[in-house]
Amino acid sequence: MYYPLYAVCVDLGIPFCTQVGHTSLLRPSETGRPIPYIDQVALGFPELTIVCGHIGCP
């Protein structure tokens, strides 16, 4: 679903930033576990700069 966004990031030379880690007490943490998801993106877009940070709550 986000592959067009990754391609635009590559074209513009900007990094893709995403949340990793615990998301919230009342939310599932699946989205905070990027592997294997980020691995697949990195393999598909080797020129894409990917920043994974714990930028959410708490």
Protein backbone atom coordinates (compact mmCIF):
# COMPACT_ATOMS: atom_id res chain seq x y z
CA MET A 1 0.00 0.00 0.00
CA TYR A 2 2.85 2.42 0.78
CA TYR A 3 5.13 1.48 -2.09
CA PRO A 4 4.17 4.57 -4.13
CA LEU A 5 5.16 6.71 -1.12
CA TYR A 6 8.54 4.97 -0.89
CA ALA A 7 9.13 5.64 -4.60
CA VAL A 8 8.32 9.34 -4.16
CA CYS A 9 10.73 9.54 -1.21
CA VAL A 10 13.45 8.05 -3.39
CA ASP A 11 12.66 10.43 -6.25
CA LEU A 12 12.75 13.47 -3.94
CA GLY A 13 15.79 12.26 -1.99
CA ILE A 14 14.00 12.43 1.37
CA PRO A 15 14.01 9.78 4.10
CA PHE A 16 11.03 7.65 5.05
CA CYS A 17 10.45 7.93 8.81
CA THR A 18 8.34 5.42 10.72
CA GLN A 19 7.34 4.59 14.27
CA VAL A 20 8.79 1.52 15.97
CA GLY A 21 8.24 0.21 19.46
CA HIS A 22 5.25 0.28 21.76
CA THR A 23 2.40 2.34 20.29
CA SER A 24 0.01 2.90 23.20
CA LEU A 25 -1.48 1.11 26.15
CA LEU A 26 -4.81 0.61 24.41
CA ARG A 27 -3.44 -0.29 20.97
CA PRO A 28 -1.83 -3.45 19.63
CA SER A 29 1.94 -3.21 19.15
CA GLU A 30 2.02 -5.01 15.78
CA THR A 31 2.70 -1.78 13.90
CA GLY A 32 5.62 -1.12 16.23
CA ARG A 33 7.35 -4.31 15.11
CA PRO A 34 8.65 -3.32 11.68
CA ILE A 35 10.63 -6.48 10.90
CA PRO A 36 9.93 -8.19 8.47
CA TYR A 37 8.02 -5.25 7.00
CA ILE A 38 10.92 -2.78 6.92
CA ASP A 39 13.24 -5.53 5.69
CA GLN A 40 11.00 -6.03 2.65
CA VAL A 41 10.91 -2.29 1.96
CA ALA A 42 14.70 -2.00 2.28
CA LEU A 43 15.17 -4.89 -0.12
CA GLY A 44 12.74 -3.38 -2.61
CA PHE A 45 14.16 0.15 -2.33
CA PRO A 46 17.89 -0.13 -1.57
CA GLU A 47 18.40 3.58 -2.31
CA LEU A 48 15.72 4.66 0.20
CA THR A 49 16.88 6.10 3.51
CA ILE A 50 14.71 4.59 6.25
CA VAL A 51 14.56 6.11 9.74
CA CYS A 52 12.93 3.95 12.41
CA GLY A 53 12.38 5.75 15.67
CA HIS A 54 10.30 5.53 18.79
CA ILE A 55 8.41 8.75 18.18
CA GLY A 56 4.99 7.79 19.49
CA CYS A 57 3.32 7.35 22.82
CA PRO A 58 4.38 6.90 25.57
